[in-house]
Amino acid sequence: MLDGAVERKNGSIVMFDPAGDESGRWNFENAWISEWTASDLDSGGDDIVVETVTITHEFLERVS
């Protein structure tokens, strides 16, 4: 973040099949993280921590 402005980035979300091969790709442009949450962390438990990220974007295209 620079001077209170949200820094925007381009990127891709890639889906892989069980063999590790790419099975889907979505490219996005001018995106920023608008929300981030995480589940509670209990050092005495064996539960995993789940993080959720909301990406807001100006353009999204399914490539494959």
Protein backbone atom coordinates (compact mmCIF):
# COMPACT_ATOMS: atom_id res chain seq x y z
CA MET A 1 0.00 0.00 0.00
CA LEU A 2 1.45 3.36 -1.00
CA ASP A 3 0.08 6.58 0.51
CA GLY A 4 -3.21 4.86 1.36
CA ALA A 5 -3.73 3.59 -2.21
CA VAL A 6 -4.41 -0.10 -2.84
CA GLU A 7 -1.70 -1.64 -4.99
CA ARG A 8 -3.27 -3.66 -7.80
CA LYS A 9 -1.72 -6.71 -9.41
CA ASN A 10 -2.32 -9.02 -12.35
CA GLY A 11 -2.19 -12.77 -11.81
CA SER A 12 -3.65 -16.19 -12.44
CA ILE A 13 -5.60 -18.82 -10.54
CA VAL A 14 -4.54 -22.27 -11.69
CA MET A 15 -6.37 -25.56 -11.05
CA PHE A 16 -4.48 -28.88 -11.18
CA ASP A 17 -5.79 -32.43 -11.58
CA PRO A 18 -4.68 -35.28 -9.25
CA ALA A 19 -1.75 -36.10 -11.59
CA GLY A 20 -0.42 -32.55 -11.20
CA ASP A 21 -1.34 -31.39 -14.70
CA GLU A 22 -2.96 -28.01 -15.25
CA SER A 23 -6.68 -28.44 -15.88
CA GLY A 24 -7.90 -24.85 -15.69
CA ARG A 25 -6.56 -21.30 -15.64
CA TRP A 26 -8.17 -17.93 -15.00
CA ASN A 27 -6.21 -14.72 -15.58
CA PHE A 28 -7.21 -11.57 -13.71
CA GLU A 29 -6.15 -7.94 -14.06
CA ASN A 30 -6.00 -4.97 -11.71
CA ALA A 31 -6.84 -7.06 -8.64
CA TRP A 32 -6.45 -6.46 -4.93
CA ILE A 33 -7.25 -8.40 -1.76
CA SER A 34 -10.43 -6.89 -0.38
CA GLU A 35 -10.93 -9.34 2.50
CA TRP A 36 -8.81 -11.84 4.44
CA THR A 37 -9.89 -14.12 7.27
CA ALA A 38 -8.34 -17.07 9.12
CA SER A 39 -9.80 -19.68 11.43
CA ASP A 40 -8.75 -19.75 15.07
CA LEU A 41 -5.39 -21.29 15.88
CA ASP A 42 -5.38 -23.66 18.85
CA SER A 43 -1.84 -24.70 19.78
CA GLY A 44 -3.22 -27.61 21.80
CA GLY A 45 -5.28 -29.04 18.96
CA ASP A 46 -4.52 -30.74 15.68
CA ASP A 47 -6.97 -28.78 13.51
CA ILE A 48 -5.64 -27.06 10.42
CA VAL A 49 -5.88 -23.31 9.95
CA VAL A 50 -8.09 -22.26 7.04
CA GLU A 51 -7.44 -18.92 5.37
CA THR A 52 -9.99 -17.28 3.08
CA VAL A 53 -9.00 -14.53 0.65
CA THR A 54 -11.42 -12.44 -1.42
CA ILE A 55 -9.80 -11.05 -4.57
CA THR A 56 -11.60 -8.12 -6.19
CA HIS A 57 -10.68 -7.55 -9.83
CA GLU A 58 -11.51 -5.42 -12.85
CA PHE A 59 -11.17 -8.20 -15.46
CA LEU A 60 -11.32 -12.01 -15.39
CA GLU A 61 -10.80 -14.40 -18.31
CA ARG A 62 -10.91 -18.20 -18.39
CA VAL A 63 -7.97 -19.24 -20.53
CA SER A 64 -8.29 -23.04 -20.34
